[in-house]
C-alpha atoms as a PDB file:
ATOM      1  CA  MET A   1     233.672 182.458 220.060  1.00  0.00           C
ATOM      2  CA  LYS A   2     230.334 184.259 221.235  1.00  0.00           C
ATOM      3  CA  THR A   3     228.693 182.790 217.956  1.00  0.00           C
ATOM      4  CA  LYS A   4     230.218 179.303 218.789  1.00  0.00           C
ATOM      5  CA  THR A   5     228.720 179.061 222.466  1.00  0.00           C
ATOM      6  CA  LEU A   6     225.253 180.724 220.882  1.00  0.00           C
ATOM      7  CA  LEU A   7     225.322 177.866 218.852  1.00  0.00           C
ATOM      8  CA  MET A   8     225.785 175.493 221.365  1.00  0.00           C
ATOM      9  CA  PHE A   9     223.746 176.889 223.802  1.00  0.00           C
ATOM     10  CA  LEU A  10     220.523 176.707 220.896  1.00  0.00           C
ATOM     11  CA  LEU A  11     221.555 173.400 219.742  1.00  0.00           C
ATOM     12  CA  PHE A  12     221.166 172.552 223.734  1.00  0.00           C
ATOM     13  CA  ILE A  13     217.348 174.305 223.920  1.00  0.00           C
ATOM     14  CA  GLY A  14     216.118 172.430 220.788  1.00  0.00           C
ATOM     15  CA  ILE A  15     217.542 168.795 221.778  1.00  0.00           C
ATOM     16  CA  ALA A  16     215.649 169.704 225.896  1.00  0.00           C
ATOM     17  CA  THR A  17     212.570 170.956 223.854  1.00  0.00           C
ATOM     18  CA  THR A  18     212.620 167.981 221.827  1.00  0.00           C
ATOM     19  CA  SER A  19     212.825 165.459 224.705  1.00  0.00           C
ATOM     20  CA  ALA A  20     210.297 167.305 227.139  1.00  0.00           C
ATOM     21  CA  ILE A  21     207.594 166.829 223.578  1.00  0.00           C
ATOM     22  CA  ALA A  22     208.305 163.233 223.036  1.00  0.00           C
ATOM     23  CA  GLN A  23     206.250 161.158 224.525  1.00  0.00           C
ATOM     24  CA  GLU A  24     207.005 157.289 225.835  1.00  0.00           C
ATOM     25  CA  TRP A  25     203.912 155.483 225.476  1.00  0.00           C
ATOM     26  CA  THR A  26     202.874 152.790 228.407  1.00  0.00           C
ATOM     27  CA  LYS A  27     202.495 149.288 227.616  1.00  0.00           C
ATOM     28  CA  GLU A  28     198.670 149.986 227.876  1.00  0.00           C
ATOM     29  CA  GLN A  29     198.634 153.041 225.558  1.00  0.00           C
ATOM     30  CA  LYS A  30     200.649 151.292 222.797  1.00  0.00           C
ATOM     31  CA  GLU A  31     197.807 148.314 222.896  1.00  0.00           C
ATOM     32  CA  VAL A  32     194.858 150.452 222.085  1.00  0.00           C
ATOM     33  CA  TRP A  33     197.152 152.531 219.174  1.00  0.00           C
ATOM     34  CA  GLN A  34     198.104 149.212 217.791  1.00  0.00           C
ATOM     35  CA  VAL A  35     194.181 148.605 217.135  1.00  0.00           C
ATOM     36  CA  CYS A  36     193.756 151.999 215.810  1.00  0.00           C
ATOM     37  CA  VAL A  37     196.836 151.063 213.160  1.00  0.00           C
ATOM     38  CA  ASN A  38     195.837 147.969 212.851  1.00  0.00           C
ATOM     39  CA  THR A  39     192.477 149.324 211.569  1.00  0.00           C
ATOM     40  CA  TRP A  40     194.524 151.867 208.945  1.00  0.00           C
ATOM     41  CA  GLU A  41     196.302 148.955 207.783  1.00  0.00           C
ATOM     42  CA  ASN A  42     193.118 146.987 207.073  1.00  0.00           C
ATOM     43  CA  TYR A  43     191.154 150.065 204.871  1.00  0.00           C
ATOM     44  CA  LYS A  44     194.721 150.001 203.174  1.00  0.00           C
ATOM     45  CA  VAL A  45     194.448 146.439 202.092  1.00  0.00           C
ATOM     46  CA  GLY A  46     190.468 146.309 201.761  1.00  0.00           C
ATOM     47  CA  LYS A  47     189.456 143.926 204.679  1.00  0.00           C
ATOM     48  CA  ILE A  48     186.320 145.317 205.367  1.00  0.00           C
ATOM     49  CA  ASP A  49     185.399 142.523 207.703  1.00  0.00           C
ATOM     50  CA  ALA A  50     188.267 142.983 210.281  1.00  0.00           C
ATOM     51  CA  ILE A  51     187.568 146.542 210.311  1.00  0.00           C
ATOM     52  CA  ALA A  52     184.286 145.898 211.237  1.00  0.00           C
ATOM     53  CA  ALA A  53     185.176 142.866 213.829  1.00  0.00           C
ATOM     54  CA  VAL A  54     186.851 146.135 215.489  1.00  0.00           C
ATOM     55  CA  LEU A  55     183.893 148.160 215.697  1.00  0.00           C
ATOM     56  CA  HIS A  56     181.487 147.304 218.790  1.00  0.00           C
ATOM     57  CA  PRO A  57     177.817 146.753 218.147  1.00  0.00           C
ATOM     58  CA  LYS A  58     176.265 150.029 219.442  1.00  0.00           C
ATOM     59  CA  TYR A  59     179.303 151.925 217.876  1.00  0.00           C
ATOM     60  CA  ASN A  60     178.218 155.400 217.100  1.00  0.00           C
ATOM     61  CA  GLY A  61     180.630 157.677 214.765  1.00  0.00           C
ATOM     62  CA  TRP A  62     180.422 161.215 213.765  1.00  0.00           C
ATOM     63  CA  ASP A  63     182.460 163.524 211.154  1.00  0.00           C
ATOM     64  CA  ASP A  64     181.965 167.210 210.212  1.00  0.00           C
ATOM     65  CA  GLN A  65     180.766 166.132 206.982  1.00  0.00           C
ATOM     66  CA  THR A  66     177.592 164.540 208.090  1.00  0.00           C
ATOM     67  CA  PRO A  67     174.567 166.298 210.555  1.00  0.00           C
ATOM     68  CA  LEU A  68     174.218 163.009 212.339  1.00  0.00           C
ATOM     69  CA  PRO A  69     176.212 160.276 213.977  1.00  0.00           C
ATOM     70  CA  TYR A  70     176.219 156.866 211.732  1.00  0.00           C
ATOM     71  CA  THR A  71     175.553 153.618 213.195  1.00  0.00           C
ATOM     72  CA  LYS A  72     178.113 150.429 212.721  1.00  0.00           C
ATOM     73  CA  GLU A  73     175.710 148.797 210.107  1.00  0.00           C
ATOM     74  CA  LYS A  74     175.575 152.208 208.157  1.00  0.00           C
ATOM     75  CA  SER A  75     179.205 152.362 208.384  1.00  0.00           C
ATOM     76  CA  VAL A  76     180.206 149.239 207.461  1.00  0.00           C
ATOM     77  CA  GLN A  77     178.238 149.884 204.564  1.00  0.00           C
ATOM     78  CA  GLN A  78     179.748 153.536 203.762  1.00  0.00           C
ATOM     79  CA  ILE A  79     183.468 151.527 203.885  1.00  0.00           C
ATOM     80  CA  LYS A  80     182.225 148.583 201.530  1.00  0.00           C
ATOM     81  CA  GLU A  81     181.146 152.073 199.245  1.00  0.00           C
ATOM     82  CA  PHE A  82     184.066 153.495 199.674  1.00  0.00           C
ATOM     83  CA  LEU A  83     186.325 150.729 198.831  1.00  0.00           C
ATOM     84  CA  SER A  84     184.286 149.316 196.377  1.00  0.00           C
ATOM     85  CA  SER A  85     185.604 152.744 193.925  1.00  0.00           C
ATOM     86  CA  MET A  86     188.678 153.635 196.205  1.00  0.00           C
ATOM     87  CA  SER A  87     192.496 152.721 196.897  1.00  0.00           C
ATOM     88  CA  LEU A  88     194.426 154.149 199.745  1.00  0.00           C
ATOM     89  CA  ASN A  89     197.817 155.077 198.748  1.00  0.00           C
ATOM     90  CA  TYR A  90     199.115 156.493 201.190  1.00  0.00           C
ATOM     91  CA  TYR A  91     198.284 156.962 205.076  1.00  0.00           C
ATOM     92  CA  ASP A  92     199.840 158.679 208.044  1.00  0.00           C
ATOM     93  CA  ILE A  93     198.982 158.719 211.822  1.00  0.00           C
ATOM     94  CA  GLU A  94     200.393 160.212 214.771  1.00  0.00           C
ATOM     95  CA  PRO A  95     198.914 159.920 218.150  1.00  0.00           C
ATOM     96  CA  ALA A  96     198.314 163.324 220.250  1.00  0.00           C
ATOM     97  CA  ARG A  97     197.416 161.796 223.534  1.00  0.00           C
ATOM     98  CA  ILE A  98     196.229 158.198 224.555  1.00  0.00           C
ATOM     99  CA  ILE A  99     194.470 157.763 227.605  1.00  0.00           C
ATOM    100  CA  VAL A 100     193.675 154.497 228.923  1.00  0.00           C
ATOM    101  CA  THR A 101     191.788 153.102 232.254  1.00  0.00           C
ATOM    102  CA  GLU A 102     191.052 149.414 232.613  1.00  0.00           C
ATOM    103  CA  SER A 103     188.490 149.121 230.240  1.00  0.00           C
ATOM    104  CA  ALA A 104     188.100 152.025 228.432  1.00  0.00           C
ATOM    105  CA  ALA A 105     190.445 154.424 226.026  1.00  0.00           C
ATOM    106  CA  VAL A 106     190.552 157.372 224.137  1.00  0.00           C
ATOM    107  CA  ILE A 107     193.033 158.487 221.066  1.00  0.00           C
ATOM    108  CA  ASP A 108     193.405 161.796 220.280  1.00  0.00           C
ATOM    109  CA  TYR A 109     195.400 161.676 216.674  1.00  0.00           C
ATOM    110  CA  TYR A 110     196.579 163.313 213.275  1.00  0.00           C
ATOM    111  CA  TYR A 111     195.554 161.721 209.876  1.00  0.00           C
ATOM    112  CA  SER A 112     196.749 162.437 206.424  1.00  0.00           C
ATOM    113  CA  TYR A 113     196.374 160.423 203.652  1.00  0.00           C
ATOM    114  CA  SER A 114     196.275 160.241 199.538  1.00  0.00           C
ATOM    115  CA  PHE A 115     193.336 158.403 197.894  1.00  0.00           C
ATOM    116  CA  THR A 116     192.684 157.242 194.325  1.00  0.00           C
ATOM    117  CA  ILE A 117     188.851 157.046 192.867  1.00  0.00           C
ATOM    118  CA  THR A 118     188.354 155.190 190.024  1.00  0.00           C
ATOM    119  CA  GLN A 119     184.968 155.762 188.049  1.00  0.00           C
ATOM    120  CA  GLY A 120     185.081 153.747 184.978  1.00  0.00           C
ATOM    121  CA  ASP A 121     188.490 155.085 182.808  1.00  0.00           C
ATOM    122  CA  LYS A 122     189.059 158.064 185.061  1.00  0.00           C
ATOM    123  CA  LYS A 123     191.190 157.958 188.104  1.00  0.00           C
ATOM    124  CA  GLU A 124     191.063 161.402 190.305  1.00  0.00           C
ATOM    125  CA  ILE A 125     194.105 161.388 193.549  1.00  0.00           C
ATOM    126  CA  LYS A 126     192.359 163.476 196.455  1.00  0.00           C
ATOM    127  CA  GLU A 127     194.289 164.110 199.838  1.00  0.00           C
ATOM    128  CA  ARG A 128     192.480 164.317 203.398  1.00  0.00           C
ATOM    129  CA  LYS A 129     194.195 165.756 206.764  1.00  0.00           C
ATOM    130  CA  GLY A 130     192.986 166.609 210.251  1.00  0.00           C
ATOM    131  CA  MET A 131     192.263 164.925 213.662  1.00  0.00           C
ATOM    132  CA  TYR A 132     190.873 161.769 214.751  1.00  0.00           C
ATOM    133  CA  VAL A 133     189.206 161.447 218.148  1.00  0.00           C
ATOM    134  CA  GLU A 134     188.539 157.703 219.134  1.00  0.00           C
ATOM    135  CA  PHE A 135     187.004 155.958 222.496  1.00  0.00           C
ATOM    136  CA  TYR A 136     187.223 152.353 222.982  1.00  0.00           C
ATOM    137  CA  VAL A 137     186.240 150.403 225.470  1.00  0.00           C
ATOM    138  CA  LYS A 138     187.651 146.734 226.243  1.00  0.00           C
ATOM    139  CA  GLU A 139     185.365 143.425 225.975  1.00  0.00           C
ATOM    140  CA  LYS A 140     186.845 139.912 227.408  1.00  0.00           C
ATOM    141  CA  GLY A 141     189.915 141.605 226.345  1.00  0.00           C
ATOM    142  CA  THR A 142     189.399 142.935 223.300  1.00  0.00           C
ATOM    143  CA  TRP A 143     189.250 146.882 222.525  1.00  0.00           C
ATOM    144  CA  LEU A 144     186.405 147.903 220.862  1.00  0.00           C
ATOM    145  CA  LEU A 145     185.879 151.142 218.992  1.00  0.00           C
ATOM    146  CA  LEU A 146     182.879 152.441 220.644  1.00  0.00           C
ATOM    147  CA  GLY A 147     182.492 155.770 219.059  1.00  0.00           C
ATOM    148  CA  ASP A 148     184.496 158.263 217.221  1.00  0.00           C
ATOM    149  CA  MET A 149     184.384 161.884 215.917  1.00  0.00           C
ATOM    150  CA  THR A 150     186.347 163.299 213.182  1.00  0.00           C
ATOM    151  CA  THR A 151     187.401 166.808 211.970  1.00  0.00           C
ATOM    152  CA  ARG A 152     188.870 167.239 208.228  1.00  0.00           C
ATOM    153  CA  GLN A 153     191.335 170.220 207.734  1.00  0.00           C
ATOM    154  CA  GLN A 154     191.252 169.601 203.584  1.00  0.00           C
END
């Protein structure tokens, strides 16, 4: 009987903890998160123009692999080069925090993805995972990515 009571107690604690950790997003948070989701999907299908359309004209991005931030133009150039020899096989993105005001938003999220690099007859599959922080501004009703920071764990 004590074992059954202990198991029921642990089950209750597990459910309560999961419920406390689970996040409910507001309409505004879901709206800006959808921009992020759409951008990843556009990467997967190779829609460079759709990706570029989300970048603010003053966009600056930075990652832990480059010494300095890069502009919208440099980012679009890198995306074109990347997608010319790469295909995204799989991705998973999970939001950790989304903060939204009337005209600004910050999204912190975890990412993981797998991609195939093709060079001639040679194909190589690579995987990446890490964390993103994205900063958005809302202009004329549209969320635009003003800046981001990427860290890679692998």
